[in-house]
Amino acid sequence: MASLVRLLVGAPLAAIVTFLLFTLMQILIFDDTAPPDDAGDEVRITIADAPEEIQARQRDANIDQVEDVTPPPPPPAIERARADQPTESMSTIVGGLPEFDRPSLAGGDISFDVSDRDAQPLVRIPPNYPPRAAERGIEGRCSVEFDVTPEGSPTNVRILSCTNSVFERETIRAVERWRYEPRVQDGTPQWRRGVQTQFDYNLNQ
């Protein structure tokens, strides 16, 4: 009952307050008595006059005519003096020239033969370590004997002794790749037979 009474009293009161607010807002908006805003400062735009034309000064490009120059006279010719050929012989002027005995190359005392020498190694390639021996940790040595041809190539390679047969093949292959200066006797290359050498196979090398 109290709620109904508040509703009946409050509704007309709220309508009246709303009507008064709208009326006040309309008066404020359409009030003609408000003074206009002050006008701002007057802005003046001045356009400068056109710049004066500057006349460029032109230089006189005319070239004066060059006066003719007389070339100098040529230098005087100088006559070269010629030396007279000598009428006396050279022996009279500087004395007699000494005479030398001409060497004779036909004598039998001079010999051009190359001195005798034994076979000398030129290229010595070490043997490869056999993989099978390296895997098993096998070490050893091989003694080998061979001949050297007159062309300097080893041949007839043969094993003298080997601690293990696993080293024989690489030993022979290494010697066959060697090169020698052949043995020379009386200026002629000769066979060198019975050359011996030894190979040591160590894993730590």
N, C-alpha and C. Protein backbone atom coordinates (compact mmCIF):
# COMPACT_ATOMS: atom_id res chain seq x y z
N MET A 1 0.84 -1.21 0.00
CA MET A 1 0.00 0.00 0.00
C MET A 1 0.87 1.26 0.00
N ALA A 2 2.00 1.20 0.75
CA ALA A 2 2.90 2.36 0.81
C ALA A 2 3.59 2.56 -0.54
N SER A 3 3.89 1.47 -1.19
CA SER A 3 4.54 1.56 -2.51
C SER A 3 3.63 2.19 -3.53
N LEU A 4 2.37 1.89 -3.47
CA LEU A 4 1.42 2.45 -4.42
C LEU A 4 1.26 3.96 -4.21
N VAL A 5 1.28 4.35 -2.95
CA VAL A 5 1.15 5.78 -2.65
C VAL A 5 2.37 6.54 -3.17
N ARG A 6 3.58 5.95 -2.99
CA ARG A 6 4.79 6.62 -3.47
C ARG A 6 4.79 6.73 -4.99
N LEU A 7 4.27 5.71 -5.65
CA LEU A 7 4.21 5.74 -7.10
C LEU A 7 3.26 6.82 -7.60
N LEU A 8 2.11 6.94 -6.98
CA LEU A 8 1.14 7.92 -7.42
C LEU A 8 1.61 9.35 -7.15
N VAL A 9 2.38 9.53 -6.09
CA VAL A 9 2.85 10.87 -5.77
C VAL A 9 4.10 11.21 -6.59
N GLY A 10 4.98 10.23 -6.79
CA GLY A 10 6.27 10.50 -7.44
C GLY A 10 6.17 10.67 -8.94
N ALA A 11 5.25 9.98 -9.59
CA ALA A 11 5.17 10.04 -11.05
C ALA A 11 4.84 11.45 -11.53
N PRO A 12 3.74 12.14 -10.97
CA PRO A 12 3.47 13.50 -11.43
C PRO A 12 4.62 14.46 -11.10
N LEU A 13 5.30 14.22 -9.95
CA LEU A 13 6.40 15.10 -9.57
C LEU A 13 7.58 14.96 -10.54
N ALA A 14 7.85 13.76 -10.94
CA ALA A 14 8.95 13.53 -11.88
C ALA A 14 8.64 14.14 -13.24
N ALA A 15 7.41 14.08 -13.68
CA ALA A 15 7.03 14.66 -14.98
C ALA A 15 7.19 16.17 -14.95
N ILE A 16 6.83 16.78 -13.84
CA ILE A 16 6.94 18.23 -13.72
C ILE A 16 8.41 18.66 -13.76
N VAL A 17 9.28 17.93 -13.05
CA VAL A 17 10.72 18.28 -13.02
C VAL A 17 11.34 18.12 -14.41
N THR A 18 10.93 17.09 -15.12
CA THR A 18 11.47 16.87 -16.48
C THR A 18 11.05 17.98 -17.42
N PHE A 19 9.79 18.42 -17.33
CA PHE A 19 9.29 19.49 -18.19
C PHE A 19 10.04 20.79 -17.92
N LEU A 20 10.33 21.07 -16.65
CA LEU A 20 11.03 22.30 -16.31
C LEU A 20 12.49 22.27 -16.85
N LEU A 21 13.12 21.12 -16.80
CA LEU A 21 14.51 21.02 -17.31
C LEU A 21 14.58 21.25 -18.81
N PHE A 22 13.62 20.69 -19.56
CA PHE A 22 13.61 20.89 -21.01
C PHE A 22 13.36 22.35 -21.34
N THR A 23 12.50 22.99 -20.57
CA THR A 23 12.19 24.40 -20.84
C THR A 23 13.41 25.28 -20.59
N LEU A 24 14.16 24.98 -19.50
CA LEU A 24 15.35 25.76 -19.19
C LEU A 24 16.43 25.59 -20.27
N MET A 25 16.58 24.40 -20.79
CA MET A 25 17.59 24.15 -21.83
C MET A 25 17.23 24.87 -23.11
N GLN A 26 15.95 24.95 -23.45
CA GLN A 26 15.53 25.63 -24.67
C GLN A 26 15.78 27.13 -24.57
N ILE A 27 15.58 27.67 -23.36
CA ILE A 27 15.81 29.11 -23.17
C ILE A 27 17.29 29.43 -23.33
N LEU A 28 18.15 28.57 -22.80
CA LEU A 28 19.60 28.83 -22.88
C LEU A 28 20.13 28.74 -24.32
N ILE A 29 19.52 27.85 -25.09
CA ILE A 29 20.01 27.65 -26.47
C ILE A 29 19.61 28.80 -27.36
N PHE A 30 18.36 29.25 -27.27
CA PHE A 30 17.83 30.26 -28.18
C PHE A 30 17.82 31.66 -27.57
N ASP A 31 18.75 31.97 -26.66
CA ASP A 31 18.82 33.29 -26.07
C ASP A 31 19.50 34.24 -27.05
N ASP A 32 18.75 35.28 -27.57
CA ASP A 32 19.29 36.23 -28.55
C ASP A 32 20.02 37.40 -27.91
N THR A 33 19.93 37.50 -26.60
CA THR A 33 20.54 38.66 -25.95
C THR A 33 22.03 38.48 -25.70
N ALA A 34 22.56 37.24 -25.96
CA ALA A 34 24.00 37.00 -25.68
C ALA A 34 24.84 37.82 -26.64
N PRO A 35 25.85 38.52 -26.16
CA PRO A 35 26.68 39.36 -27.03
C PRO A 35 27.53 38.49 -27.96
N PRO A 36 27.71 38.92 -29.19
CA PRO A 36 28.53 38.13 -30.13
C PRO A 36 30.00 38.16 -29.70
N ASP A 37 30.67 37.15 -30.19
CA ASP A 37 32.12 37.07 -29.87
C ASP A 37 32.86 38.20 -30.58
N ASP A 38 33.94 38.65 -29.89
CA ASP A 38 34.75 39.69 -30.49
C ASP A 38 35.43 39.18 -31.74
N ALA A 39 35.45 40.02 -32.71
CA ALA A 39 36.11 39.63 -33.97
C ALA A 39 37.61 39.61 -33.76
N GLY A 40 38.27 38.71 -34.44
CA GLY A 40 39.73 38.58 -34.31
C GLY A 40 40.44 39.71 -35.02
N ASP A 41 41.75 39.73 -34.83
CA ASP A 41 42.56 40.75 -35.49
C ASP A 41 42.48 40.61 -37.00
N GLU A 42 42.47 41.73 -37.68
CA GLU A 42 42.38 41.73 -39.14
C GLU A 42 43.72 41.30 -39.72
N VAL A 43 43.64 40.36 -40.61
CA VAL A 43 44.85 39.83 -41.24
C VAL A 43 44.98 40.45 -42.60
N ARG A 44 46.14 41.05 -42.88
CA ARG A 44 46.38 41.66 -44.17
C ARG A 44 47.49 40.89 -44.88
N ILE A 45 47.26 40.60 -46.14
CA ILE A 45 48.23 39.87 -46.97
C ILE A 45 48.75 40.83 -48.02
N THR A 46 50.06 41.07 -48.01
CA THR A 46 50.67 41.99 -48.95
C THR A 46 51.53 41.20 -49.93
N ILE A 47 51.29 41.43 -51.21
CA ILE A 47 52.05 40.74 -52.26
C ILE A 47 53.17 41.66 -52.69
N ALA A 48 54.37 41.19 -52.57
CA ALA A 48 55.53 42.01 -52.91
C ALA A 48 55.56 42.26 -54.40
N ASP A 49 56.15 43.41 -54.76
CA ASP A 49 56.26 43.74 -56.17
C ASP A 49 57.23 42.78 -56.86
N ALA A 50 57.12 42.70 -58.16
CA ALA A 50 57.99 41.82 -58.95
C ALA A 50 59.43 42.31 -58.84
N PRO A 51 60.40 41.39 -58.71
CA PRO A 51 61.80 41.80 -58.56
C PRO A 51 62.29 42.50 -59.82
N GLU A 52 63.22 43.40 -59.58
CA GLU A 52 63.76 44.13 -60.71
C GLU A 52 64.63 43.21 -61.56
N GLU A 53 64.60 43.42 -62.84
CA GLU A 53 65.41 42.62 -63.74
C GLU A 53 66.87 43.06 -63.63
N ILE A 54 67.74 42.06 -63.47
CA ILE A 54 69.17 42.33 -63.35
C ILE A 54 69.81 42.01 -64.68
N GLN A 55 70.45 42.97 -65.25
CA GLN A 55 71.07 42.79 -66.55
C GLN A 55 72.50 42.29 -66.34
N ALA A 56 72.76 41.07 -66.85
CA ALA A 56 74.09 40.49 -66.70
C ALA A 56 75.08 41.20 -67.60
N ARG A 57 76.28 41.39 -67.07
CA ARG A 57 77.31 42.06 -67.83
C ARG A 57 78.02 41.05 -68.72
N GLN A 58 78.06 41.32 -69.97
CA GLN A 58 78.67 40.41 -70.92
C GLN A 58 80.10 40.86 -71.19
N ARG A 59 80.99 39.86 -71.18
CA ARG A 59 82.39 40.16 -71.44
C ARG A 59 82.64 40.20 -72.95
N ASP A 60 83.57 40.99 -73.29
CA ASP A 60 83.91 41.12 -74.70
C ASP A 60 84.76 39.92 -75.09
N ALA A 61 84.19 39.06 -75.96
CA ALA A 61 84.86 37.83 -76.36
C ALA A 61 85.64 37.99 -77.63
N ASN A 62 85.76 39.17 -78.13
CA ASN A 62 86.50 39.35 -79.38
C ASN A 62 87.99 39.22 -79.11
N ILE A 63 88.68 38.45 -79.94
CA ILE A 63 90.11 38.21 -79.80
C ILE A 63 90.84 39.14 -80.75
N ASP A 64 91.77 39.89 -80.16
CA ASP A 64 92.54 40.79 -81.01
C ASP A 64 93.39 40.00 -81.98
N GLN A 65 93.57 40.50 -83.10
CA GLN A 65 94.37 39.84 -84.11
C GLN A 65 95.83 39.82 -83.67
N VAL A 66 96.43 38.61 -83.72
CA VAL A 66 97.81 38.44 -83.28
C VAL A 66 98.73 38.96 -84.36
N GLU A 67 99.68 39.73 -83.94
CA GLU A 67 100.62 40.27 -84.91
C GLU A 67 101.55 39.16 -85.40
N ASP A 68 101.95 39.24 -86.62
CA ASP A 68 102.86 38.26 -87.20
C ASP A 68 104.22 38.37 -86.53
N VAL A 69 104.77 37.19 -86.15
CA VAL A 69 106.07 37.14 -85.49
C VAL A 69 107.09 36.60 -86.47
N THR A 70 108.16 37.27 -86.62
CA THR A 70 109.21 36.83 -87.53
C THR A 70 110.06 35.76 -86.86
N PRO A 71 110.16 34.54 -87.45
CA PRO A 71 110.95 33.46 -86.81
C PRO A 71 112.42 33.83 -86.77
N PRO A 72 113.18 33.34 -85.77
CA PRO A 72 114.61 33.64 -85.67
C PRO A 72 115.37 32.97 -86.80
N PRO A 73 116.49 33.47 -87.14
CA PRO A 73 117.30 32.87 -88.21
C PRO A 73 117.86 31.53 -87.78
N PRO A 74 118.09 30.60 -88.71
CA PRO A 74 118.64 29.28 -88.35
C PRO A 74 120.05 29.41 -87.82
N PRO A 75 120.51 28.49 -86.96
CA PRO A 75 121.87 28.54 -86.43
C PRO A 75 122.88 28.31 -87.53
N PRO A 76 124.04 28.86 -87.37
CA PRO A 76 125.08 28.68 -88.40
C PRO A 76 125.55 27.25 -88.45
N ALA A 77 125.83 26.79 -89.67
CA ALA A 77 126.31 25.43 -89.86
C ALA A 77 127.75 25.32 -89.38
N ILE A 78 128.05 24.24 -88.65
CA ILE A 78 129.39 24.01 -88.11
C ILE A 78 130.03 22.89 -88.92
N GLU A 79 131.14 23.12 -89.45
CA GLU A 79 131.83 22.11 -90.26
C GLU A 79 132.56 21.15 -89.33
N ARG A 80 132.28 19.87 -89.49
CA ARG A 80 132.92 18.85 -88.66
C ARG A 80 134.29 18.51 -89.22
N ALA A 81 135.23 18.44 -88.29
CA ALA A 81 136.59 18.09 -88.71
C ALA A 81 136.69 16.58 -88.85
N ARG A 82 137.36 16.14 -89.86
CA ARG A 82 137.56 14.73 -90.13
C ARG A 82 138.99 14.34 -89.76
N ALA A 83 139.11 13.21 -89.10
CA ALA A 83 140.44 12.73 -88.71
C ALA A 83 141.07 12.00 -89.88
N ASP A 84 142.32 12.25 -90.08
CA ASP A 84 143.04 11.58 -91.15
C ASP A 84 143.34 10.15 -90.77
N GLN A 85 143.23 9.25 -91.69
CA GLN A 85 143.54 7.85 -91.43
C GLN A 85 145.04 7.69 -91.21
N PRO A 86 145.43 6.83 -90.23
CA PRO A 86 146.87 6.63 -89.97
C PRO A 86 147.54 5.96 -91.15
N THR A 87 148.71 6.40 -91.44
CA THR A 87 149.48 5.81 -92.54
C THR A 87 150.45 4.76 -92.07
N GLU A 88 150.65 4.68 -90.70
CA GLU A 88 151.58 3.70 -90.17
C GLU A 88 150.80 2.49 -89.67
N SER A 89 151.44 1.37 -89.60
CA SER A 89 150.80 0.13 -89.14
C SER A 89 150.67 0.14 -87.62
N MET A 90 149.83 -0.74 -87.10
CA MET A 90 149.62 -0.83 -85.65
C MET A 90 150.88 -1.26 -84.93
N SER A 91 151.66 -2.09 -85.56
CA SER A 91 152.88 -2.56 -84.89
C SER A 91 153.86 -1.43 -84.68
N THR A 92 153.85 -0.44 -85.56
CA THR A 92 154.75 0.69 -85.39
C THR A 92 154.27 1.62 -84.30
N ILE A 93 152.94 1.76 -84.16
CA ILE A 93 152.37 2.70 -83.19
C ILE A 93 152.46 2.17 -81.77
N VAL A 94 151.96 0.96 -81.53
CA VAL A 94 151.86 0.42 -80.16
C VAL A 94 152.92 -0.63 -79.89
N GLY A 95 153.76 -0.91 -80.84
CA GLY A 95 154.76 -1.92 -80.61
C GLY A 95 154.30 -3.29 -81.11
N GLY A 96 155.17 -4.22 -81.13
CA GLY A 96 154.83 -5.54 -81.61
C GLY A 96 153.92 -6.28 -80.66
N LEU A 97 152.93 -6.97 -81.19
CA LEU A 97 152.00 -7.75 -80.37
C LEU A 97 152.65 -9.07 -79.97
N PRO A 98 152.42 -9.50 -78.70
CA PRO A 98 153.03 -10.77 -78.28
C PRO A 98 152.40 -11.94 -78.99
N GLU A 99 153.20 -12.96 -79.22
CA GLU A 99 152.71 -14.18 -79.85
C GLU A 99 152.47 -15.24 -78.78
N PHE A 100 151.34 -16.00 -78.96
CA PHE A 100 150.97 -17.05 -78.02
C PHE A 100 150.99 -18.37 -78.75
N ASP A 101 151.39 -19.37 -78.02
CA ASP A 101 151.35 -20.72 -78.58
C ASP A 101 149.92 -21.23 -78.55
N ARG A 102 149.44 -21.64 -79.66
CA ARG A 102 148.08 -22.17 -79.72
C ARG A 102 148.04 -23.56 -79.13
N PRO A 103 147.05 -23.82 -78.21
CA PRO A 103 146.98 -25.17 -77.61
C PRO A 103 146.52 -26.18 -78.65
N SER A 104 147.07 -27.33 -78.57
CA SER A 104 146.69 -28.42 -79.46
C SER A 104 145.71 -29.34 -78.75
N LEU A 105 144.53 -29.52 -79.36
CA LEU A 105 143.49 -30.37 -78.77
C LEU A 105 143.56 -31.79 -79.29
N ALA A 106 144.54 -32.09 -80.10
CA ALA A 106 144.63 -33.44 -80.68
C ALA A 106 145.50 -34.36 -79.85
N GLY A 107 146.04 -33.87 -78.74
CA GLY A 107 146.92 -34.69 -77.93
C GLY A 107 146.16 -35.79 -77.22
N GLY A 108 146.85 -36.81 -76.78
CA GLY A 108 146.22 -37.94 -76.11
C GLY A 108 146.25 -37.83 -74.61
N ASP A 109 146.73 -36.69 -74.04
CA ASP A 109 146.81 -36.56 -72.59
C ASP A 109 145.49 -36.18 -71.96
N ILE A 110 144.55 -35.59 -72.74
CA ILE A 110 143.28 -35.11 -72.19
C ILE A 110 142.25 -36.21 -72.33
N SER A 111 141.52 -36.51 -71.22
CA SER A 111 140.50 -37.55 -71.22
C SER A 111 139.20 -36.97 -70.71
N PHE A 112 138.12 -37.22 -71.45
CA PHE A 112 136.81 -36.72 -71.05
C PHE A 112 135.91 -37.84 -70.51
N ASP A 113 136.43 -38.95 -70.14
CA ASP A 113 135.63 -40.06 -69.62
C ASP A 113 135.12 -39.73 -68.23
N VAL A 114 133.88 -40.14 -67.95
CA VAL A 114 133.31 -39.94 -66.63
C VAL A 114 133.93 -40.93 -65.67
N SER A 115 134.26 -40.47 -64.47
CA SER A 115 134.88 -41.36 -63.49
C SER A 115 133.94 -42.48 -63.11
N ASP A 116 134.49 -43.62 -62.79
CA ASP A 116 133.68 -44.78 -62.41
C ASP A 116 132.96 -44.51 -61.10
N ARG A 117 131.76 -45.03 -61.00
CA ARG A 117 131.00 -44.88 -59.76
C ARG A 117 130.07 -46.06 -59.61
N ASP A 118 129.67 -46.28 -58.36
CA ASP A 118 128.73 -47.35 -58.06
C ASP A 118 127.30 -46.83 -58.22
N ALA A 119 126.33 -47.72 -58.17
CA ALA A 119 124.92 -47.32 -58.28
C ALA A 119 124.54 -46.43 -57.10
N GLN A 120 123.86 -45.32 -57.39
CA GLN A 120 123.46 -44.36 -56.36
C GLN A 120 121.95 -44.23 -56.35
N PRO A 121 121.29 -44.30 -55.16
CA PRO A 121 119.82 -44.19 -55.11
C PRO A 121 119.37 -42.77 -55.41
N LEU A 122 118.32 -42.63 -56.21
CA LEU A 122 117.70 -41.34 -56.51
C LEU A 122 116.34 -41.20 -55.83
N VAL A 123 115.51 -42.23 -55.92
CA VAL A 123 114.16 -42.21 -55.34
C VAL A 123 114.01 -43.48 -54.52
N ARG A 124 113.71 -43.30 -53.23
CA ARG A 124 113.49 -44.45 -52.34
C ARG A 124 112.18 -44.22 -51.58
N ILE A 125 111.14 -44.90 -52.00
CA ILE A 125 109.82 -44.77 -51.40
C ILE A 125 109.67 -45.83 -50.32
N PRO A 126 109.34 -45.44 -49.08
CA PRO A 126 109.20 -46.44 -48.02
C PRO A 126 107.98 -47.33 -48.26
N PRO A 127 108.01 -48.55 -47.78
CA PRO A 127 106.87 -49.46 -47.99
C PRO A 127 105.68 -49.07 -47.13
N ASN A 128 104.50 -49.48 -47.58
CA ASN A 128 103.28 -49.28 -46.79
C ASN A 128 103.18 -50.35 -45.71
N TYR A 129 102.65 -49.96 -44.57
CA TYR A 129 102.48 -50.93 -43.49
C TYR A 129 101.28 -51.81 -43.83
N PRO A 130 101.45 -53.12 -43.86
CA PRO A 130 100.31 -53.99 -44.22
C PRO A 130 99.15 -53.79 -43.25
N PRO A 131 97.93 -53.58 -43.75
CA PRO A 131 96.79 -53.37 -42.83
C PRO A 131 96.55 -54.53 -41.89
N ARG A 132 96.74 -55.77 -42.40
CA ARG A 132 96.50 -56.92 -41.53
C ARG A 132 97.47 -56.96 -40.37
N ALA A 133 98.76 -56.58 -40.63
CA ALA A 133 99.74 -56.55 -39.55
C ALA A 133 99.45 -55.42 -38.57
N ALA A 134 98.98 -54.27 -39.09
CA ALA A 134 98.67 -53.16 -38.20
C ALA A 134 97.48 -53.49 -37.31
N GLU A 135 96.46 -54.19 -37.84
CA GLU A 135 95.30 -54.56 -37.02
C GLU A 135 95.68 -55.52 -35.90
N ARG A 136 96.64 -56.41 -36.18
CA ARG A 136 97.04 -57.39 -35.18
C ARG A 136 98.18 -56.90 -34.30
N GLY A 137 98.73 -55.72 -34.58
CA GLY A 137 99.83 -55.21 -33.79
C GLY A 137 101.13 -55.93 -34.03
N ILE A 138 101.35 -56.44 -35.27
CA ILE A 138 102.55 -57.21 -35.58
C ILE A 138 103.64 -56.26 -36.07
N GLU A 139 104.85 -56.40 -35.54
CA GLU A 139 106.02 -55.65 -35.98
C GLU A 139 107.08 -56.63 -36.46
N GLY A 140 108.05 -56.11 -37.24
CA GLY A 140 109.10 -57.01 -37.73
C GLY A 140 110.03 -56.30 -38.67
N ARG A 141 110.86 -57.12 -39.39
CA ARG A 141 111.82 -56.58 -40.36
C ARG A 141 111.98 -57.58 -41.49
N CYS A 142 112.40 -57.00 -42.66
CA CYS A 142 112.62 -57.82 -43.84
C CYS A 142 113.92 -57.38 -44.50
N SER A 143 114.76 -58.36 -44.90
CA SER A 143 115.97 -58.11 -45.67
C SER A 143 115.71 -58.54 -47.11
N VAL A 144 116.17 -57.72 -48.07
CA VAL A 144 115.87 -57.98 -49.46
C VAL A 144 117.12 -57.76 -50.30
N GLU A 145 117.21 -58.45 -51.43
CA GLU A 145 118.33 -58.31 -52.36
C GLU A 145 117.77 -58.12 -53.76
N PHE A 146 118.44 -57.29 -54.58
CA PHE A 146 117.96 -57.01 -55.93
C PHE A 146 119.13 -56.55 -56.78
N ASP A 147 118.88 -56.46 -58.10
CA ASP A 147 119.87 -55.97 -59.06
C ASP A 147 119.38 -54.64 -59.63
N VAL A 148 120.31 -53.82 -60.11
CA VAL A 148 120.00 -52.54 -60.73
C VAL A 148 120.43 -52.59 -62.19
N THR A 149 119.51 -52.31 -63.09
CA THR A 149 119.78 -52.35 -64.52
C THR A 149 120.62 -51.14 -64.94
N PRO A 150 121.20 -51.16 -66.15
CA PRO A 150 121.91 -49.98 -66.64
C PRO A 150 121.02 -48.74 -66.79
N GLU A 151 119.71 -48.93 -66.81
CA GLU A 151 118.78 -47.79 -66.85
C GLU A 151 118.44 -47.28 -65.47
N GLY A 152 118.87 -47.95 -64.39
CA GLY A 152 118.63 -47.48 -63.04
C GLY A 152 117.38 -48.04 -62.39
N SER A 153 116.81 -49.13 -62.93
CA SER A 153 115.59 -49.71 -62.37
C SER A 153 115.93 -50.99 -61.61
N PRO A 154 115.39 -51.16 -60.37
CA PRO A 154 115.62 -52.42 -59.64
C PRO A 154 114.88 -53.58 -60.31
N THR A 155 115.51 -54.75 -60.28
CA THR A 155 114.90 -55.93 -60.86
C THR A 155 115.40 -57.15 -60.07
N ASN A 156 114.76 -58.30 -60.35
CA ASN A 156 115.12 -59.55 -59.66
C ASN A 156 115.07 -59.38 -58.14
N VAL A 157 113.99 -58.76 -57.63
CA VAL A 157 113.85 -58.52 -56.20
C VAL A 157 113.51 -59.84 -55.51
N ARG A 158 114.25 -60.16 -54.45
CA ARG A 158 114.05 -61.43 -53.74
C ARG A 158 114.22 -61.21 -52.24
N ILE A 159 113.43 -61.88 -51.47
CA ILE A 159 113.47 -61.77 -50.01
C ILE A 159 114.57 -62.67 -49.47
N LEU A 160 115.44 -62.11 -48.64
CA LEU A 160 116.47 -62.90 -47.98
C LEU A 160 115.97 -63.46 -46.66
N SER A 161 115.33 -62.60 -45.85
CA SER A 161 114.78 -63.05 -44.57
C SER A 161 113.67 -62.10 -44.17
N CYS A 162 112.68 -62.63 -43.45
CA CYS A 162 111.54 -61.82 -42.99
C CYS A 162 111.03 -62.44 -41.69
N THR A 163 110.84 -61.62 -40.67
CA THR A 163 110.33 -62.14 -39.41
C THR A 163 108.89 -62.62 -39.53
N ASN A 164 108.14 -62.08 -40.50
CA ASN A 164 106.76 -62.50 -40.73
C ASN A 164 106.47 -62.35 -42.22
N SER A 165 105.84 -63.34 -42.79
CA SER A 165 105.56 -63.32 -44.23
C SER A 165 104.58 -62.22 -44.62
N VAL A 166 103.89 -61.63 -43.64
CA VAL A 166 102.92 -60.58 -43.96
C VAL A 166 103.61 -59.33 -44.52
N PHE A 167 104.93 -59.18 -44.29
CA PHE A 167 105.66 -57.99 -44.76
C PHE A 167 106.33 -58.20 -46.13
N GLU A 168 106.33 -59.39 -46.67
CA GLU A 168 107.09 -59.68 -47.89
C GLU A 168 106.53 -58.92 -49.11
N ARG A 169 105.23 -58.93 -49.28
CA ARG A 169 104.63 -58.32 -50.48
C ARG A 169 104.90 -56.82 -50.53
N GLU A 170 104.68 -56.09 -49.41
CA GLU A 170 104.91 -54.64 -49.41
C GLU A 170 106.39 -54.31 -49.57
N THR A 171 107.28 -55.18 -49.10
CA THR A 171 108.71 -54.95 -49.26
C THR A 171 109.10 -55.01 -50.73
N ILE A 172 108.63 -56.03 -51.44
CA ILE A 172 108.97 -56.17 -52.86
C ILE A 172 108.37 -55.01 -53.67
N ARG A 173 107.14 -54.62 -53.39
CA ARG A 173 106.49 -53.53 -54.12
C ARG A 173 107.23 -52.21 -53.91
N ALA A 174 107.73 -51.96 -52.70
CA ALA A 174 108.45 -50.71 -52.43
C ALA A 174 109.75 -50.65 -53.22
N VAL A 175 110.53 -51.77 -53.25
CA VAL A 175 111.81 -51.76 -53.96
C VAL A 175 111.59 -51.58 -55.46
N GLU A 176 110.54 -52.14 -56.02
CA GLU A 176 110.29 -52.02 -57.46
C GLU A 176 109.99 -50.58 -57.87
N ARG A 177 109.58 -49.71 -56.92
CA ARG A 177 109.31 -48.30 -57.23
C ARG A 177 110.53 -47.41 -57.07
N TRP A 178 111.65 -47.95 -56.61
CA TRP A 178 112.86 -47.17 -56.43
C TRP A 178 113.51 -46.86 -57.77
N ARG A 179 114.36 -45.80 -57.80
CA ARG A 179 115.13 -45.44 -58.98
C ARG A 179 116.57 -45.14 -58.56
N TYR A 180 117.52 -45.57 -59.43
CA TYR A 180 118.95 -45.43 -59.14
C TYR A 180 119.66 -44.75 -60.30
N GLU A 181 120.79 -44.11 -59.97
CA GLU A 181 121.78 -43.79 -60.99
C GLU A 181 122.59 -45.05 -61.22
N PRO A 182 122.66 -45.54 -62.44
CA PRO A 182 123.29 -46.85 -62.65
C PRO A 182 124.79 -46.83 -62.35
N ARG A 183 125.34 -47.98 -62.21
CA ARG A 183 126.78 -48.12 -62.04
C ARG A 183 127.46 -47.77 -63.36
N VAL A 184 128.56 -47.00 -63.27
CA VAL A 184 129.30 -46.56 -64.46
C VAL A 184 130.72 -47.09 -64.36
N GLN A 185 131.15 -47.71 -65.44
CA GLN A 185 132.52 -48.22 -65.51
C GLN A 185 133.08 -47.90 -66.90
N ASP A 186 134.19 -47.19 -66.93
CA ASP A 186 134.80 -46.74 -68.19
C ASP A 186 133.83 -45.90 -69.01
N GLY A 187 133.00 -45.10 -68.31
CA GLY A 187 132.06 -44.22 -69.00
C GLY A 187 130.83 -44.91 -69.53
N THR A 188 130.60 -46.19 -69.21
CA THR A 188 129.46 -46.95 -69.73
C THR A 188 128.63 -47.47 -68.57
N PRO A 189 127.29 -47.26 -68.57
CA PRO A 189 126.44 -47.82 -67.52
C PRO A 189 126.51 -49.34 -67.50
N GLN A 190 126.58 -49.89 -66.31
CA GLN A 190 126.71 -51.34 -66.13
C GLN A 190 125.64 -51.84 -65.17
N TRP A 191 125.46 -53.13 -65.16
CA TRP A 191 124.59 -53.77 -64.17
C TRP A 191 125.25 -53.69 -62.80
N ARG A 192 124.40 -53.51 -61.79
CA ARG A 192 124.87 -53.59 -60.39
C ARG A 192 124.07 -54.69 -59.73
N ARG A 193 124.74 -55.78 -59.41
CA ARG A 193 124.05 -56.95 -58.88
C ARG A 193 124.33 -57.12 -57.40
N GLY A 194 123.32 -57.71 -56.73
CA GLY A 194 123.50 -58.06 -55.33
C GLY A 194 123.37 -56.89 -54.37
N VAL A 195 122.51 -55.90 -54.68
CA VAL A 195 122.27 -54.79 -53.75
C VAL A 195 121.34 -55.27 -52.65
N GLN A 196 121.70 -55.03 -51.39
CA GLN A 196 120.92 -55.50 -50.24
C GLN A 196 120.49 -54.31 -49.39
N THR A 197 119.30 -54.46 -48.80
CA THR A 197 118.79 -53.46 -47.87
C THR A 197 117.82 -54.13 -46.91
N GLN A 198 117.46 -53.42 -45.86
CA GLN A 198 116.58 -53.97 -44.82
C GLN A 198 115.50 -52.96 -44.46
N PHE A 199 114.29 -53.45 -44.24
CA PHE A 199 113.14 -52.63 -43.85
C PHE A 199 112.71 -53.02 -42.44
N ASP A 200 112.49 -52.03 -41.59
CA ASP A 200 111.99 -52.24 -40.25
C ASP A 200 110.54 -51.76 -40.18
N TYR A 201 109.65 -52.60 -39.74
CA TYR A 201 108.22 -52.29 -39.62
C TYR A 201 107.88 -52.09 -38.15
N ASN A 202 107.70 -50.84 -37.74
CA ASN A 202 107.36 -50.49 -36.36
C ASN A 202 106.09 -49.68 -36.36
N LEU A 203 105.17 -49.97 -35.47
CA LEU A 203 103.90 -49.26 -35.38
C LEU A 203 104.07 -47.86 -34.83
N ASN A 204 105.09 -47.60 -34.05
CA ASN A 204 105.27 -46.29 -33.44
C ASN A 204 105.89 -45.28 -34.38
N GLN A 205 106.41 -45.69 -35.52
CA GLN A 205 107.03 -44.75 -36.46
C GLN A 205 106.00 -44.02 -37.26
